[in-house]
C-alpha atoms as a PDB file:
ATOM      1  CA  MET A   1      64.021  43.507  89.733  1.00  0.00           C
ATOM      2  CA  VAL A   2      67.097  45.164  91.452  1.00  0.00           C
ATOM      3  CA  ARG A   3      69.100  43.681  88.184  1.00  0.00           C
ATOM      4  CA  LEU A   4      66.331  44.394  85.894  1.00  0.00           C
ATOM      5  CA  LEU A   5      65.906  47.999  86.797  1.00  0.00           C
ATOM      6  CA  GLN A   6      69.724  48.064  86.179  1.00  0.00           C
ATOM      7  CA  GLN A   7      70.179  48.064  82.772  1.00  0.00           C
ATOM      8  CA  PRO A   8      70.933  50.245  80.832  1.00  0.00           C
ATOM      9  CA  LEU A   9      68.355  49.573  77.745  1.00  0.00           C
ATOM     10  CA  LEU A  10      65.489  49.367  79.986  1.00  0.00           C
ATOM     11  CA  HIS A  11      66.764  53.216  81.134  1.00  0.00           C
ATOM     12  CA  PHE A  12      67.310  54.122  77.251  1.00  0.00           C
ATOM     13  CA  PHE A  13      63.685  53.353  76.390  1.00  0.00           C
ATOM     14  CA  VAL A  14      61.458  54.748  79.844  1.00  0.00           C
ATOM     15  CA  LEU A  15      63.883  57.979  79.004  1.00  0.00           C
ATOM     16  CA  GLY A  16      62.518  57.749  75.569  1.00  0.00           C
ATOM     17  CA  ALA A  17      58.797  57.365  76.768  1.00  0.00           C
ATOM     18  CA  LEU A  18      58.957  59.772  78.848  1.00  0.00           C
ATOM     19  CA  LEU A  19      60.406  62.883  76.447  1.00  0.00           C
ATOM     20  CA  PHE A  20      57.897  61.462  73.684  1.00  0.00           C
ATOM     21  CA  VAL A  21      54.768  62.117  76.252  1.00  0.00           C
ATOM     22  CA  PHE A  22      56.657  65.252  77.133  1.00  0.00           C
ATOM     23  CA  LEU A  23      57.143  66.645  74.266  1.00  0.00           C
ATOM     24  CA  ARG A  24      53.969  65.499  72.822  1.00  0.00           C
ATOM     25  CA  ASP A  25      51.429  67.238  75.550  1.00  0.00           C
ATOM     26  CA  GLY A  26      53.624  70.678  75.233  1.00  0.00           C
ATOM     27  CA  GLU A  27      52.555  69.888  71.454  1.00  0.00           C
ATOM     28  CA  SER A  28      48.397  69.053  72.520  1.00  0.00           C
ATOM     29  CA  ALA A  29      48.409  71.580  75.833  1.00  0.00           C
ATOM     30  CA  HIS A  30      49.239  74.589  73.344  1.00  0.00           C
ATOM     31  CA  GLU A  31      48.751  74.593  69.866  1.00  0.00           C
ATOM     32  CA  SER A  32      49.366  78.110  68.069  1.00  0.00           C
ATOM     33  CA  GLY A  33      48.111  79.788  64.850  1.00  0.00           C
ATOM     34  CA  GLU A  34      50.690  79.305  61.796  1.00  0.00           C
ATOM     35  CA  GLU A  35      52.354  83.147  62.515  1.00  0.00           C
ATOM     36  CA  ASP A  36      53.142  81.432  65.524  1.00  0.00           C
ATOM     37  CA  ARG A  37      55.440  79.010  63.165  1.00  0.00           C
ATOM     38  CA  LEU A  38      56.807  81.289  62.520  1.00  0.00           C
ATOM     39  CA  ILE A  39      60.425  82.900  61.993  1.00  0.00           C
ATOM     40  CA  ARG A  40      60.905  86.216  60.671  1.00  0.00           C
ATOM     41  CA  VAL A  41      64.930  86.995  60.050  1.00  0.00           C
ATOM     42  CA  ASP A  42      65.116  90.655  59.469  1.00  0.00           C
ATOM     43  CA  ARG A  43      68.380  92.737  59.509  1.00  0.00           C
ATOM     44  CA  GLN A  44      67.224  93.842  62.664  1.00  0.00           C
ATOM     45  CA  SER A  45      66.120  91.169  64.752  1.00  0.00           C
ATOM     46  CA  LEU A  46      69.801  89.664  63.884  1.00  0.00           C
ATOM     47  CA  LEU A  47      71.220  93.160  64.536  1.00  0.00           C
ATOM     48  CA  ASP A  48      69.422  92.317  68.367  1.00  0.00           C
ATOM     49  CA  TYR A  49      71.255  88.961  67.844  1.00  0.00           C
ATOM     50  CA  LEU A  50      74.203  89.737  67.179  1.00  0.00           C
ATOM     51  CA  GLN A  51      75.115  92.642  69.960  1.00  0.00           C
ATOM     52  CA  TYR A  52      73.440  90.297  72.684  1.00  0.00           C
ATOM     53  CA  GLN A  53      75.540  87.831  72.144  1.00  0.00           C
ATOM     54  CA  ALA A  54      78.708  89.597  72.253  1.00  0.00           C
ATOM     55  CA  LYS A  55      77.088  91.611  75.431  1.00  0.00           C
ATOM     56  CA  ALA A  56      77.464  95.075  73.675  1.00  0.00           C
ATOM     57  CA  PHE A  57      75.405  96.639  72.257  1.00  0.00           C
ATOM     58  CA  GLU A  58      76.104 100.287  69.285  1.00  0.00           C
ATOM     59  CA  PRO A  59      74.008  99.624  66.637  1.00  0.00           C
ATOM     60  CA  THR A  60      76.242 101.280  64.523  1.00  0.00           C
ATOM     61  CA  LEU A  61      79.075  98.597  65.007  1.00  0.00           C
ATOM     62  CA  PHE A  62      77.637  95.981  64.670  1.00  0.00           C
ATOM     63  CA  GLY A  63      75.702  96.991  62.218  1.00  0.00           C
ATOM     64  CA  GLU A  64      78.438  97.577  59.529  1.00  0.00           C
ATOM     65  CA  ARG A  65      80.061  94.140  60.612  1.00  0.00           C
ATOM     66  CA  LEU A  66      76.504  92.763  59.183  1.00  0.00           C
ATOM     67  CA  ALA A  67      77.273  94.264  56.712  1.00  0.00           C
ATOM     68  CA  ALA A  68      80.698  93.601  55.821  1.00  0.00           C
ATOM     69  CA  MET A  69      79.858  89.909  56.823  1.00  0.00           C
ATOM     70  CA  SER A  70      80.203  87.544  53.829  1.00  0.00           C
ATOM     71  CA  ASP A  71      77.241  85.373  52.222  1.00  0.00           C
ATOM     72  CA  GLN A  72      78.621  81.805  53.961  1.00  0.00           C
ATOM     73  CA  GLU A  73      78.836  84.568  57.450  1.00  0.00           C
ATOM     74  CA  LEU A  74      75.852  85.518  57.114  1.00  0.00           C
ATOM     75  CA  GLU A  75      73.839  82.101  56.550  1.00  0.00           C
ATOM     76  CA  LYS A  76      75.546  80.761  59.688  1.00  0.00           C
ATOM     77  CA  VAL A  77      74.828  83.120  61.745  1.00  0.00           C
ATOM     78  CA  ILE A  78      70.684  83.186  60.378  1.00  0.00           C
ATOM     79  CA  GLN A  79      71.043  79.811  60.923  1.00  0.00           C
ATOM     80  CA  ASN A  80      72.137  80.861  64.597  1.00  0.00           C
ATOM     81  CA  PHE A  81      69.376  82.931  65.354  1.00  0.00           C
ATOM     82  CA  VAL A  82      66.946  80.347  63.738  1.00  0.00           C
ATOM     83  CA  ARG A  83      68.188  78.023  65.909  1.00  0.00           C
ATOM     84  CA  GLU A  84      68.084  80.247  69.361  1.00  0.00           C
ATOM     85  CA  GLU A  85      64.681  81.319  68.656  1.00  0.00           C
ATOM     86  CA  ALA A  86      63.012  77.951  67.141  1.00  0.00           C
ATOM     87  CA  LEU A  87      64.421  77.061  70.900  1.00  0.00           C
ATOM     88  CA  TYR A  88      62.595  79.491  72.848  1.00  0.00           C
ATOM     89  CA  ARG A  89      60.370  78.913  71.251  1.00  0.00           C
ATOM     90  CA  GLU A  90      59.743  76.115  72.267  1.00  0.00           C
ATOM     91  CA  ALA A  91      60.806  76.358  75.884  1.00  0.00           C
ATOM     92  CA  LEU A  92      57.471  78.768  75.432  1.00  0.00           C
ATOM     93  CA  ARG A  93      54.760  76.299  74.288  1.00  0.00           C
ATOM     94  CA  MET A  94      55.335  73.874  77.186  1.00  0.00           C
ATOM     95  CA  ARG A  95      55.834  77.257  80.187  1.00  0.00           C
ATOM     96  CA  MET A  96      59.158  76.357  80.572  1.00  0.00           C
ATOM     97  CA  GLU A  97      59.279  79.895  82.194  1.00  0.00           C
ATOM     98  CA  GLU A  98      56.923  79.974  84.406  1.00  0.00           C
ATOM     99  CA  GLY A  99      58.056  79.923  87.917  1.00  0.00           C
ATOM    100  CA  ASP A 100      61.740  80.511  86.735  1.00  0.00           C
ATOM    101  CA  TYR A 101      62.713  83.474  88.667  1.00  0.00           C
ATOM    102  CA  ILE A 102      66.598  83.371  86.223  1.00  0.00           C
ATOM    103  CA  ILE A 103      64.575  83.791  83.073  1.00  0.00           C
ATOM    104  CA  LYS A 104      62.580  86.065  85.131  1.00  0.00           C
ATOM    105  CA  GLN A 105      64.995  88.984  85.177  1.00  0.00           C
ATOM    106  CA  ARG A 106      66.806  88.152  82.392  1.00  0.00           C
ATOM    107  CA  LEU A 107      63.485  88.989  80.468  1.00  0.00           C
ATOM    108  CA  VAL A 108      64.218  91.994  82.816  1.00  0.00           C
ATOM    109  CA  GLN A 109      67.075  92.872  81.823  1.00  0.00           C
ATOM    110  CA  LYS A 110      66.209  92.243  78.093  1.00  0.00           C
ATOM    111  CA  VAL A 111      63.299  94.705  78.977  1.00  0.00           C
ATOM    112  CA  GLU A 112      66.043  97.405  79.983  1.00  0.00           C
ATOM    113  CA  PHE A 113      68.928  96.348  77.739  1.00  0.00           C
ATOM    114  CA  LEU A 114      66.970  97.275  74.495  1.00  0.00           C
ATOM    115  CA  LEU A 115      65.501 100.952  76.189  1.00  0.00           C
ATOM    116  CA  GLU A 116      69.008 101.712  76.554  1.00  0.00           C
ATOM    117  CA  ASN A 117      69.335 100.995  73.213  1.00  0.00           C
ATOM    118  CA  GLN A 118      67.067 102.876  71.564  1.00  0.00           C
ATOM    119  CA  LEU A 119      67.858 106.168  73.382  1.00  0.00           C
ATOM    120  CA  ALA A 120      70.974 105.356  73.080  1.00  0.00           C
ATOM    121  CA  GLU A 121      70.798 106.850  69.138  1.00  0.00           C
ATOM    122  CA  ALA A 122      68.557 109.646  70.474  1.00  0.00           C
ATOM    123  CA  VAL A 123      70.773 111.499  72.921  1.00  0.00           C
ATOM    124  CA  VAL A 124      72.785 113.858  70.774  1.00  0.00           C
ATOM    125  CA  PRO A 125      73.383 117.062  73.155  1.00  0.00           C
ATOM    126  CA  SER A 126      74.281 120.412  72.214  1.00  0.00           C
ATOM    127  CA  GLU A 127      77.487 121.754  72.013  1.00  0.00           C
ATOM    128  CA  GLU A 128      76.025 124.322  74.659  1.00  0.00           C
ATOM    129  CA  ALA A 129      74.625 121.753  76.618  1.00  0.00           C
ATOM    130  CA  LEU A 130      77.478 119.745  76.395  1.00  0.00           C
ATOM    131  CA  GLU A 131      79.098 122.384  78.202  1.00  0.00           C
ATOM    132  CA  SER A 132      77.416 123.050  80.332  1.00  0.00           C
ATOM    133  CA  PHE A 133      77.204 119.193  81.433  1.00  0.00           C
ATOM    134  CA  TYR A 134      81.569 119.917  81.597  1.00  0.00           C
ATOM    135  CA  ARG A 135      81.382 123.001  83.960  1.00  0.00           C
ATOM    136  CA  GLU A 136      78.947 121.650  86.159  1.00  0.00           C
ATOM    137  CA  ARG A 137      80.826 118.325  87.265  1.00  0.00           C
ATOM    138  CA  ILE A 138      84.219 119.917  86.110  1.00  0.00           C
ATOM    139  CA  ALA A 139      86.128 118.618  89.454  1.00  0.00           C
ATOM    140  CA  GLU A 140      85.558 114.466  88.184  1.00  0.00           C
ATOM    141  CA  TYR A 141      88.417 115.800  84.441  1.00  0.00           C
ATOM    142  CA  GLU A 142      91.195 116.842  86.839  1.00  0.00           C
ATOM    143  CA  VAL A 143      93.834 115.172  86.220  1.00  0.00           C
ATOM    144  CA  ALA A 144      95.930 113.948  89.472  1.00  0.00           C
ATOM    145  CA  PRO A 145      99.714 116.090  90.134  1.00  0.00           C
ATOM    146  CA  VAL A 146     102.022 113.814  88.563  1.00  0.00           C
ATOM    147  CA  TYR A 147     105.676 113.307  89.963  1.00  0.00           C
ATOM    148  CA  SER A 148     109.113 112.017  88.809  1.00  0.00           C
ATOM    149  CA  PHE A 149     112.114 111.661  91.243  1.00  0.00           C
ATOM    150  CA  THR A 150     114.472 109.478  93.281  1.00  0.00           C
ATOM    151  CA  HIS A 151     115.294 109.183  97.106  1.00  0.00           C
ATOM    152  CA  VAL A 152     118.182 107.303  98.932  1.00  0.00           C
ATOM    153  CA  PHE A 153     115.725 105.337 101.832  1.00  0.00           C
ATOM    154  CA  PHE A 154     116.770 105.494 105.943  1.00  0.00           C
ATOM    155  CA  ASP A 155     114.565 102.610 106.789  1.00  0.00           C
ATOM    156  CA  ALA A 156     112.941 102.621 110.423  1.00  0.00           C
ATOM    157  CA  GLY A 157     112.589  98.855 111.383  1.00  0.00           C
ATOM    158  CA  ARG A 158     116.288  98.532 111.858  1.00  0.00           C
ATOM    159  CA  GLY A 159     115.497 100.758 114.975  1.00  0.00           C
ATOM    160  CA  GLY A 160     113.104 102.532 114.730  1.00  0.00           C
ATOM    161  CA  MET A 161     112.564 106.629 113.449  1.00  0.00           C
ATOM    162  CA  ASP A 162     114.291 108.319 115.324  1.00  0.00           C
ATOM    163  CA  GLU A 163     117.907 105.971 114.597  1.00  0.00           C
ATOM    164  CA  ALA A 164     117.298 106.188 110.826  1.00  0.00           C
ATOM    165  CA  LEU A 165     116.844 109.695 111.286  1.00  0.00           C
ATOM    166  CA  GLN A 166     120.310 110.633 113.084  1.00  0.00           C
ATOM    167  CA  ARG A 167     121.716 107.493 109.926  1.00  0.00           C
ATOM    168  CA  ALA A 168     119.437 109.860 107.297  1.00  0.00           C
ATOM    169  CA  ASN A 169     121.877 112.713 108.383  1.00  0.00           C
ATOM    170  CA  ALA A 170     124.837 110.957 109.144  1.00  0.00           C
ATOM    171  CA  ALA A 171     124.740 110.307 105.784  1.00  0.00           C
ATOM    172  CA  ARG A 172     123.730 113.570 103.799  1.00  0.00           C
ATOM    173  CA  SER A 173     127.371 114.377 102.408  1.00  0.00           C
ATOM    174  CA  ARG A 174     128.045 111.745 100.541  1.00  0.00           C
ATOM    175  CA  VAL A 175     124.382 111.510  99.494  1.00  0.00           C
ATOM    176  CA  ALA A 176     125.231 115.068  97.929  1.00  0.00           C
ATOM    177  CA  ARG A 177     128.425 113.762  95.517  1.00  0.00           C
ATOM    178  CA  LEU A 178     125.356 110.744  94.628  1.00  0.00           C
ATOM    179  CA  ARG A 179     124.306 112.051  90.315  1.00  0.00           C
ATOM    180  CA  PHE A 180     120.311 110.751  89.818  1.00  0.00           C
ATOM    181  CA  ASP A 181     121.362 107.080  88.534  1.00  0.00           C
ATOM    182  CA  GLU A 182     123.896 106.052  92.157  1.00  0.00           C
ATOM    183  CA  ALA A 183     121.018 106.841  94.180  1.00  0.00           C
ATOM    184  CA  SER A 184     120.586 103.109  94.856  1.00  0.00           C
ATOM    185  CA  GLN A 185     124.276 102.912  95.646  1.00  0.00           C
ATOM    186  CA  LEU A 186     123.624 104.350  99.504  1.00  0.00           C
ATOM    187  CA  GLY A 187     121.212 103.563 102.413  1.00  0.00           C
ATOM    188  CA  ASP A 188     118.876 100.853 102.573  1.00  0.00           C
ATOM    189  CA  ARG A 189     116.282  98.607 100.627  1.00  0.00           C
ATOM    190  CA  PHE A 190     113.297 100.347  99.984  1.00  0.00           C
ATOM    191  CA  PRO A 191     109.689  97.466  99.586  1.00  0.00           C
ATOM    192  CA  PHE A 192     108.691  99.953  96.625  1.00  0.00           C
ATOM    193  CA  LEU A 193     110.656 101.789  93.698  1.00  0.00           C
ATOM    194  CA  GLN A 194     114.211 103.899  93.773  1.00  0.00           C
ATOM    195  CA  ASN A 195     112.980 105.938  90.718  1.00  0.00           C
ATOM    196  CA  TYR A 196     109.770 107.072  90.541  1.00  0.00           C
ATOM    197  CA  VAL A 197     109.140 107.890  86.749  1.00  0.00           C
ATOM    198  CA  GLU A 198     106.199 110.223  86.189  1.00  0.00           C
ATOM    199  CA  ARG A 199     103.759 108.407  88.690  1.00  0.00           C
ATOM    200  CA  THR A 200      99.935 109.900  89.707  1.00  0.00           C
ATOM    201  CA  GLN A 201      99.505 110.991  93.486  1.00  0.00           C
ATOM    202  CA  ASP A 202      98.079 108.826  94.481  1.00  0.00           C
ATOM    203  CA  PHE A 203     100.445 106.270  93.121  1.00  0.00           C
ATOM    204  CA  VAL A 204     102.938 108.000  95.149  1.00  0.00           C
ATOM    205  CA  VAL A 205     100.595 108.423  98.704  1.00  0.00           C
ATOM    206  CA  ASN A 206     100.065 104.357  98.346  1.00  0.00           C
ATOM    207  CA  ASN A 207     103.862 103.841  98.517  1.00  0.00           C
ATOM    208  CA  PHE A 208     105.281 106.190 100.980  1.00  0.00           C
ATOM    209  CA  GLY A 209     102.498 107.747 103.000  1.00  0.00           C
ATOM    210  CA  ALA A 210     100.031 111.609 102.753  1.00  0.00           C
ATOM    211  CA  ASP A 211     102.751 112.943 104.788  1.00  0.00           C
ATOM    212  CA  PHE A 212     105.198 112.206 102.201  1.00  0.00           C
ATOM    213  CA  VAL A 213     103.390 113.852  99.175  1.00  0.00           C
ATOM    214  CA  ASP A 214     102.125 117.164 101.342  1.00  0.00           C
ATOM    215  CA  SER A 215     106.762 117.207 101.940  1.00  0.00           C
ATOM    216  CA  LEU A 216     107.238 116.620  98.550  1.00  0.00           C
ATOM    217  CA  GLN A 217     104.854 118.984  96.588  1.00  0.00           C
ATOM    218  CA  ALA A 218     107.096 121.881  98.747  1.00  0.00           C
ATOM    219  CA  LEU A 219     109.914 121.034  97.494  1.00  0.00           C
ATOM    220  CA  GLU A 220     111.653 122.377  94.559  1.00  0.00           C
ATOM    221  CA  THR A 221     112.279 120.459  91.314  1.00  0.00           C
ATOM    222  CA  SER A 222     116.154 120.441  90.768  1.00  0.00           C
ATOM    223  CA  ASP A 223     117.868 117.580  88.618  1.00  0.00           C
ATOM    224  CA  THR A 224     121.673 117.739  90.754  1.00  0.00           C
ATOM    225  CA  GLU A 225     120.007 119.012  94.719  1.00  0.00           C
ATOM    226  CA  TRP A 226     119.314 116.008  96.680  1.00  0.00           C
ATOM    227  CA  GLN A 227     116.743 116.969  99.456  1.00  0.00           C
ATOM    228  CA  GLY A 228     115.231 116.282 103.513  1.00  0.00           C
ATOM    229  CA  PRO A 229     115.321 114.303 104.844  1.00  0.00           C
ATOM    230  CA  LEU A 230     111.482 112.950 104.202  1.00  0.00           C
ATOM    231  CA  ALA A 231     109.580 111.290 106.745  1.00  0.00           C
ATOM    232  CA  SER A 232     107.740 108.910 104.831  1.00  0.00           C
ATOM    233  CA  ARG A 233     105.319 105.231 106.619  1.00  0.00           C
ATOM    234  CA  TYR A 234     108.698 103.034 106.365  1.00  0.00           C
ATOM    235  CA  GLY A 235     111.362 105.890 108.024  1.00  0.00           C
ATOM    236  CA  TYR A 236     113.593 108.577 106.080  1.00  0.00           C
ATOM    237  CA  HIS A 237     114.577 109.537 102.518  1.00  0.00           C
ATOM    238  CA  PHE A 238     116.562 111.815 101.138  1.00  0.00           C
ATOM    239  CA  VAL A 239     114.716 112.556  97.502  1.00  0.00           C
ATOM    240  CA  MET A 240     115.290 114.278  93.790  1.00  0.00           C
ATOM    241  CA  LEU A 241     112.699 115.357  92.301  1.00  0.00           C
ATOM    242  CA  ILE A 242     113.957 116.299  88.840  1.00  0.00           C
ATOM    243  CA  ALA A 243     109.573 117.567  87.821  1.00  0.00           C
ATOM    244  CA  ARG A 244     106.519 118.231  88.629  1.00  0.00           C
ATOM    245  CA  GLN A 245     103.017 118.498  87.343  1.00  0.00           C
ATOM    246  CA  PRO A 246     100.552 120.361  88.703  1.00  0.00           C
ATOM    247  CA  ALA A 247      97.035 119.161  88.310  1.00  0.00           C
ATOM    248  CA  THR A 248      95.061 119.599  85.735  1.00  0.00           C
ATOM    249  CA  THR A 249      91.999 119.391  83.978  1.00  0.00           C
ATOM    250  CA  PRO A 250      91.640 119.113  79.783  1.00  0.00           C
ATOM    251  CA  PRO A 251      89.615 121.398  78.231  1.00  0.00           C
ATOM    252  CA  LEU A 252      86.991 120.039  76.058  1.00  0.00           C
ATOM    253  CA  ALA A 253      88.355 120.310  73.156  1.00  0.00           C
ATOM    254  CA  GLU A 254      90.770 117.442  74.636  1.00  0.00           C
ATOM    255  CA  ILE A 255      88.142 114.879  76.203  1.00  0.00           C
ATOM    256  CA  ARG A 256      85.371 115.570  74.491  1.00  0.00           C
ATOM    257  CA  GLU A 257      84.818 111.782  73.954  1.00  0.00           C
ATOM    258  CA  ARG A 258      84.435 110.855  77.129  1.00  0.00           C
ATOM    259  CA  VAL A 259      81.968 113.988  78.362  1.00  0.00           C
ATOM    260  CA  LEU A 260      80.421 112.872  75.652  1.00  0.00           C
ATOM    261  CA  ASP A 261      79.941 109.363  76.797  1.00  0.00           C
ATOM    262  CA  ASP A 262      79.231 110.213  80.466  1.00  0.00           C
ATOM    263  CA  TYR A 263      76.791 112.565  79.358  1.00  0.00           C
ATOM    264  CA  ARG A 264      75.284 110.028  77.254  1.00  0.00           C
ATOM    265  CA  TYR A 265      75.127 107.995  80.461  1.00  0.00           C
ATOM    266  CA  GLU A 266      73.100 109.526  82.392  1.00  0.00           C
ATOM    267  CA  ALA A 267      70.802 110.763  79.994  1.00  0.00           C
ATOM    268  CA  ILE A 268      69.684 106.784  79.412  1.00  0.00           C
ATOM    269  CA  VAL A 269      69.485 106.239  82.898  1.00  0.00           C
ATOM    270  CA  ARG A 270      67.461 109.013  83.364  1.00  0.00           C
ATOM    271  CA  SER A 271      65.075 108.164  80.298  1.00  0.00           C
ATOM    272  CA  ARG A 272      65.397 105.101  81.659  1.00  0.00           C
ATOM    273  CA  GLN A 273      64.186 105.317  84.753  1.00  0.00           C
ATOM    274  CA  GLN A 274      60.907 108.033  83.185  1.00  0.00           C
ATOM    275  CA  ALA A 275      59.905 104.766  80.826  1.00  0.00           C
ATOM    276  CA  GLU A 276      60.241 102.341  83.659  1.00  0.00           C
ATOM    277  CA  GLN A 277      57.639 104.847  86.211  1.00  0.00           C
ATOM    278  CA  GLU A 278      55.507 104.499  82.923  1.00  0.00           C
ATOM    279  CA  VAL A 279      55.730 101.108  82.075  1.00  0.00           C
ATOM    280  CA  MET A 280      54.402 100.854  85.996  1.00  0.00           C
ATOM    281  CA  ALA A 281      52.325 103.135  86.352  1.00  0.00           C
ATOM    282  CA  GLY A 282      49.866 101.076  83.467  1.00  0.00           C
ATOM    283  CA  TYR A 283      49.234  98.110  86.295  1.00  0.00           C
ATOM    284  CA  GLN A 284      46.760  97.988  88.743  1.00  0.00           C
ATOM    285  CA  VAL A 285      49.528  97.119  92.368  1.00  0.00           C
ATOM    286  CA  VAL A 286      46.990  95.412  95.470  1.00  0.00           C
ATOM    287  CA  VAL A 287      49.649  94.855  98.345  1.00  0.00           C
ATOM    288  CA  ASP A 288      48.438  92.015 100.820  1.00  0.00           C
ATOM    289  CA  LEU A 289      51.542  91.342 103.416  1.00  0.00           C
ATOM    290  CA  GLU A 290      48.857  89.465 105.809  1.00  0.00           C
ATOM    291  CA  PRO A 291      49.823  85.577 105.622  1.00  0.00           C
ATOM    292  CA  ALA A 292      48.064  83.286 104.369  1.00  0.00           C
ATOM    293  CA  PRO A 293      45.176  81.507 105.865  1.00  0.00           C
END
């Protein structure tokens, strides 16, 4: 008996029989009309299919791609679409979706995406509305200060902050004779960069600490003068600050597309939430939290 169960040919026949019964029962239990067996292929269905495949929902862009396809490319897309639709309908005929939470979540996401897709094309703000949106959130579009400098570093790891300050002061006259490109000839090796060119404030804070940036902010710019020493979390630094660009906020005309994207995103989120509430309002909700008997 054990040997018989181990025979590959027997496994093949058993699996084949089970599959036949499964498909036959699914067919007989869920017979449908001719309309259910009809797969309609139109431009919108292909457009939706392409966007879901790419996980990017840009109807205009994918509409252009669809129109530019060769006959061979279009035929392949149609074949893939029909294959997916046919297998999907067979899964529904067999009721494979029932009790499957992953499928439930995917269907919810699909409705969410479709709602967003429909709403995105309708969001066309007036110039006044876009200007008002920009003004209300103007702080979000501020460009942080930018610094360009080099430095000579004296490491507190070699004996503490006091000893690092003493070594820095002792080297002051030698540092004063250095050019910008000679900064690495004195001092200790810094764990990050030697030269900082057009680095944002956040970047400098990450490398040196907030107190160092506060001190940097108080310096005058010069491409010949060394200033300091300034304290950082690692020790002391002589700094040649050749440029500092203060925080700025670009005008709406320069960042219009970014502001428009932000406007559309917020509008779509609000509209989708409203649409979801309307869908939910069409259902009666009964809450029963009592344990089952």
